[in-house]
N, C-alpha and C. Protein backbone atom coordinates (compact mmCIF):
# COMPACT_ATOMS: atom_id res chain seq x y z
N UNK A 1 230.00 239.77 83.88
CA UNK A 1 231.18 239.10 84.37
C UNK A 1 230.94 237.58 84.28
N UNK A 2 231.92 236.84 83.81
CA UNK A 2 231.78 235.38 83.74
C UNK A 2 231.56 234.77 85.13
N UNK A 3 231.10 233.53 85.15
CA UNK A 3 230.76 232.85 86.41
C UNK A 3 231.96 232.75 87.35
N UNK A 4 233.18 232.66 86.83
CA UNK A 4 234.35 232.51 87.69
C UNK A 4 234.95 233.84 88.12
N UNK A 5 234.28 234.96 87.78
CA UNK A 5 234.68 236.30 88.19
C UNK A 5 236.03 236.72 87.61
N UNK A 6 236.39 236.18 86.46
CA UNK A 6 237.58 236.58 85.74
C UNK A 6 237.19 236.99 84.33
N UNK A 7 237.90 237.94 83.79
CA UNK A 7 237.75 238.27 82.38
C UNK A 7 238.80 237.46 81.63
N UNK A 8 238.40 236.81 80.58
CA UNK A 8 239.32 236.03 79.77
C UNK A 8 239.60 236.85 78.52
N UNK A 9 240.84 237.25 78.35
CA UNK A 9 241.22 238.10 77.23
C UNK A 9 242.25 237.38 76.39
N UNK A 10 242.02 237.34 75.10
CA UNK A 10 242.98 236.75 74.18
C UNK A 10 243.53 237.87 73.30
N UNK A 11 244.82 238.05 73.36
CA UNK A 11 245.48 239.06 72.54
C UNK A 11 246.19 238.36 71.39
N UNK A 12 246.07 238.91 70.22
CA UNK A 12 246.68 238.32 69.03
C UNK A 12 247.71 239.30 68.49
N UNK A 13 248.93 238.83 68.34
CA UNK A 13 250.00 239.66 67.80
C UNK A 13 250.03 239.54 66.28
N UNK A 14 249.84 240.65 65.62
CA UNK A 14 249.86 240.66 64.15
C UNK A 14 251.26 240.35 63.64
N UNK A 15 252.28 240.87 64.32
CA UNK A 15 253.65 240.68 63.83
C UNK A 15 254.13 239.24 63.96
N UNK A 16 253.81 238.58 65.06
CA UNK A 16 254.31 237.21 65.25
C UNK A 16 253.26 236.16 64.91
N UNK A 17 252.00 236.56 64.84
CA UNK A 17 250.94 235.60 64.53
C UNK A 17 250.58 234.72 65.70
N UNK A 18 251.06 235.05 66.90
CA UNK A 18 250.79 234.23 68.08
C UNK A 18 249.71 234.88 68.94
N UNK A 19 248.99 234.02 69.62
CA UNK A 19 247.96 234.50 70.54
C UNK A 19 248.41 234.26 71.97
N UNK A 20 248.06 235.17 72.86
CA UNK A 20 248.36 235.03 74.28
C UNK A 20 247.06 235.19 75.05
N UNK A 21 246.85 234.33 76.03
CA UNK A 21 245.61 234.37 76.81
C UNK A 21 245.92 234.88 78.21
N UNK A 22 245.08 235.81 78.68
CA UNK A 22 245.24 236.41 79.99
C UNK A 22 243.94 236.28 80.77
N UNK A 23 244.06 236.16 82.07
CA UNK A 23 242.91 236.17 82.95
C UNK A 23 243.06 237.35 83.89
N UNK A 24 242.06 238.21 83.93
CA UNK A 24 242.10 239.39 84.78
C UNK A 24 240.95 239.28 85.77
N UNK A 25 241.28 239.42 87.05
CA UNK A 25 240.26 239.30 88.10
C UNK A 25 239.27 240.44 88.01
N UNK A 26 238.02 240.13 88.30
CA UNK A 26 236.99 241.16 88.43
C UNK A 26 237.21 241.94 89.71
N UNK A 27 236.48 243.02 89.91
CA UNK A 27 236.72 243.88 91.08
C UNK A 27 236.57 243.16 92.42
N UNK A 28 235.57 242.30 92.55
CA UNK A 28 235.34 241.61 93.83
C UNK A 28 236.46 240.62 94.12
N UNK A 29 236.89 239.87 93.11
CA UNK A 29 237.97 238.89 93.30
C UNK A 29 239.28 239.60 93.61
N UNK A 30 239.56 240.69 92.91
CA UNK A 30 240.78 241.45 93.18
C UNK A 30 240.77 242.01 94.60
N UNK A 31 239.62 242.50 95.04
CA UNK A 31 239.49 243.03 96.40
C UNK A 31 239.72 241.92 97.42
N UNK A 32 239.10 240.76 97.20
CA UNK A 32 239.28 239.64 98.14
C UNK A 32 240.72 239.16 98.18
N UNK A 33 241.38 239.14 97.04
CA UNK A 33 242.79 238.76 97.01
C UNK A 33 243.62 239.73 97.85
N UNK A 34 243.32 241.03 97.75
CA UNK A 34 244.05 242.04 98.52
C UNK A 34 243.79 241.86 100.02
N UNK A 35 242.54 241.59 100.40
CA UNK A 35 242.21 241.38 101.82
C UNK A 35 242.88 240.10 102.33
N UNK A 36 242.92 239.07 101.49
CA UNK A 36 243.59 237.82 101.86
C UNK A 36 245.07 238.10 102.18
N UNK A 37 245.75 238.81 101.30
CA UNK A 37 247.15 239.12 101.53
C UNK A 37 247.33 240.02 102.75
N UNK A 38 246.39 240.96 102.94
CA UNK A 38 246.40 241.83 104.11
C UNK A 38 246.28 241.01 105.40
N UNK A 39 245.45 239.98 105.37
CA UNK A 39 245.22 239.17 106.57
C UNK A 39 246.48 238.41 107.00
N UNK A 40 247.42 238.24 106.08
CA UNK A 40 248.68 237.58 106.41
C UNK A 40 249.84 238.57 106.54
N UNK A 41 249.52 239.87 106.48
CA UNK A 41 250.56 240.88 106.61
C UNK A 41 251.45 241.01 105.39
N UNK A 42 250.98 240.52 104.24
CA UNK A 42 251.79 240.54 103.02
C UNK A 42 251.45 241.71 102.09
N UNK A 43 250.48 242.53 102.49
CA UNK A 43 250.00 243.60 101.62
C UNK A 43 249.32 244.64 102.49
N UNK A 44 249.31 245.86 102.06
CA UNK A 44 248.55 246.88 102.79
C UNK A 44 247.86 247.78 101.78
N UNK A 45 246.72 248.29 102.17
CA UNK A 45 246.01 249.25 101.35
C UNK A 45 245.13 250.10 102.25
N UNK A 46 244.72 251.23 101.73
CA UNK A 46 243.87 252.15 102.48
C UNK A 46 242.43 251.71 102.31
N UNK A 47 241.89 251.00 103.28
CA UNK A 47 240.53 250.50 103.22
C UNK A 47 239.49 251.59 103.09
N UNK A 48 239.80 252.78 103.58
CA UNK A 48 238.83 253.87 103.49
C UNK A 48 238.68 254.38 102.06
N UNK A 49 239.62 254.01 101.20
CA UNK A 49 239.54 254.45 99.80
C UNK A 49 238.67 253.52 98.95
N UNK A 50 238.24 252.40 99.53
CA UNK A 50 237.40 251.44 98.82
C UNK A 50 235.94 251.87 98.93
N UNK A 51 235.29 252.05 97.81
CA UNK A 51 233.87 252.39 97.78
C UNK A 51 233.08 251.07 97.83
N UNK A 52 232.55 250.75 99.00
CA UNK A 52 231.82 249.49 99.19
C UNK A 52 230.65 249.36 98.24
N UNK A 53 230.07 250.47 97.85
CA UNK A 53 228.90 250.45 96.97
C UNK A 53 229.22 249.97 95.56
N UNK A 54 230.49 249.98 95.20
CA UNK A 54 230.89 249.53 93.86
C UNK A 54 231.18 248.04 93.81
N UNK A 55 231.17 247.38 94.97
CA UNK A 55 231.40 245.93 95.02
C UNK A 55 230.06 245.22 95.09
N UNK A 56 229.93 244.16 94.33
CA UNK A 56 228.69 243.38 94.32
C UNK A 56 228.69 242.43 95.52
N UNK A 57 227.81 242.68 96.48
CA UNK A 57 227.76 241.90 97.72
C UNK A 57 227.49 240.42 97.44
N UNK A 58 226.67 240.12 96.46
CA UNK A 58 226.38 238.71 96.13
C UNK A 58 227.63 237.98 95.65
N UNK A 59 228.43 238.65 94.85
CA UNK A 59 229.68 238.04 94.37
C UNK A 59 230.65 237.89 95.53
N UNK A 60 230.75 238.90 96.40
CA UNK A 60 231.63 238.79 97.57
C UNK A 60 231.25 237.60 98.44
N UNK A 61 229.96 237.44 98.71
CA UNK A 61 229.49 236.33 99.54
C UNK A 61 229.81 234.98 98.91
N UNK A 62 229.69 234.91 97.59
CA UNK A 62 229.98 233.65 96.89
C UNK A 62 231.48 233.35 96.88
N UNK A 63 232.28 234.37 96.57
CA UNK A 63 233.73 234.18 96.44
C UNK A 63 234.43 233.97 97.78
N UNK A 64 233.91 234.57 98.85
CA UNK A 64 234.58 234.47 100.15
C UNK A 64 234.62 233.03 100.66
N UNK A 65 233.74 232.20 100.16
CA UNK A 65 233.72 230.78 100.57
C UNK A 65 235.01 230.07 100.20
N UNK A 66 235.75 230.60 99.24
CA UNK A 66 236.99 229.98 98.78
C UNK A 66 238.21 230.44 99.58
N UNK A 67 237.99 231.36 100.53
CA UNK A 67 239.09 231.95 101.28
C UNK A 67 239.09 231.45 102.72
N UNK A 68 240.24 231.53 103.41
CA UNK A 68 240.31 231.10 104.81
C UNK A 68 239.45 231.98 105.72
N UNK A 69 239.14 231.45 106.89
CA UNK A 69 238.31 232.13 107.86
C UNK A 69 238.89 233.49 108.27
N UNK A 70 240.20 233.59 108.37
CA UNK A 70 240.81 234.86 108.79
C UNK A 70 240.52 235.97 107.80
N UNK A 71 240.38 235.65 106.52
CA UNK A 71 240.02 236.65 105.51
C UNK A 71 238.58 237.11 105.72
N UNK A 72 237.68 236.15 105.95
CA UNK A 72 236.28 236.49 106.19
C UNK A 72 236.14 237.35 107.44
N UNK A 73 236.86 237.02 108.49
CA UNK A 73 236.79 237.80 109.73
C UNK A 73 237.27 239.23 109.52
N UNK A 74 238.29 239.40 108.71
CA UNK A 74 238.77 240.75 108.43
C UNK A 74 237.73 241.55 107.65
N UNK A 75 237.05 240.90 106.71
CA UNK A 75 235.98 241.57 105.97
C UNK A 75 234.84 241.97 106.90
N UNK A 76 234.51 241.10 107.83
CA UNK A 76 233.44 241.41 108.79
C UNK A 76 233.87 242.53 109.74
N UNK A 77 235.12 242.50 110.17
CA UNK A 77 235.63 243.52 111.08
C UNK A 77 235.50 244.92 110.47
N UNK A 78 235.79 245.02 109.19
CA UNK A 78 235.73 246.32 108.51
C UNK A 78 234.40 246.54 107.78
N UNK A 79 233.44 245.68 108.10
CA UNK A 79 232.05 245.80 107.65
C UNK A 79 231.88 245.79 106.13
N UNK A 80 232.67 244.94 105.48
CA UNK A 80 232.46 244.72 104.05
C UNK A 80 231.41 243.62 103.82
N UNK A 81 231.24 242.78 104.85
CA UNK A 81 230.21 241.74 104.82
C UNK A 81 229.31 241.95 106.03
N UNK A 82 228.00 241.70 105.85
CA UNK A 82 227.09 241.85 107.00
C UNK A 82 227.27 240.73 108.01
């Protein structure tokens, strides 16, 4: 995974000859974005369906620094962070 935790994908259309660039969040960033929205009541998901073992704790710890305290507290409450 790149340092910014996004996959950079460039798609090239053969018919039009144009290229389009997309950024897709890695699993940890996507999870943190969902928890961020959850912390504001803008999103819901079944936390029990998340396999904590598939998330890289080092990436979570690094990325959470970019989020508000309420997001970090929610992660701690549900024991995603030690």
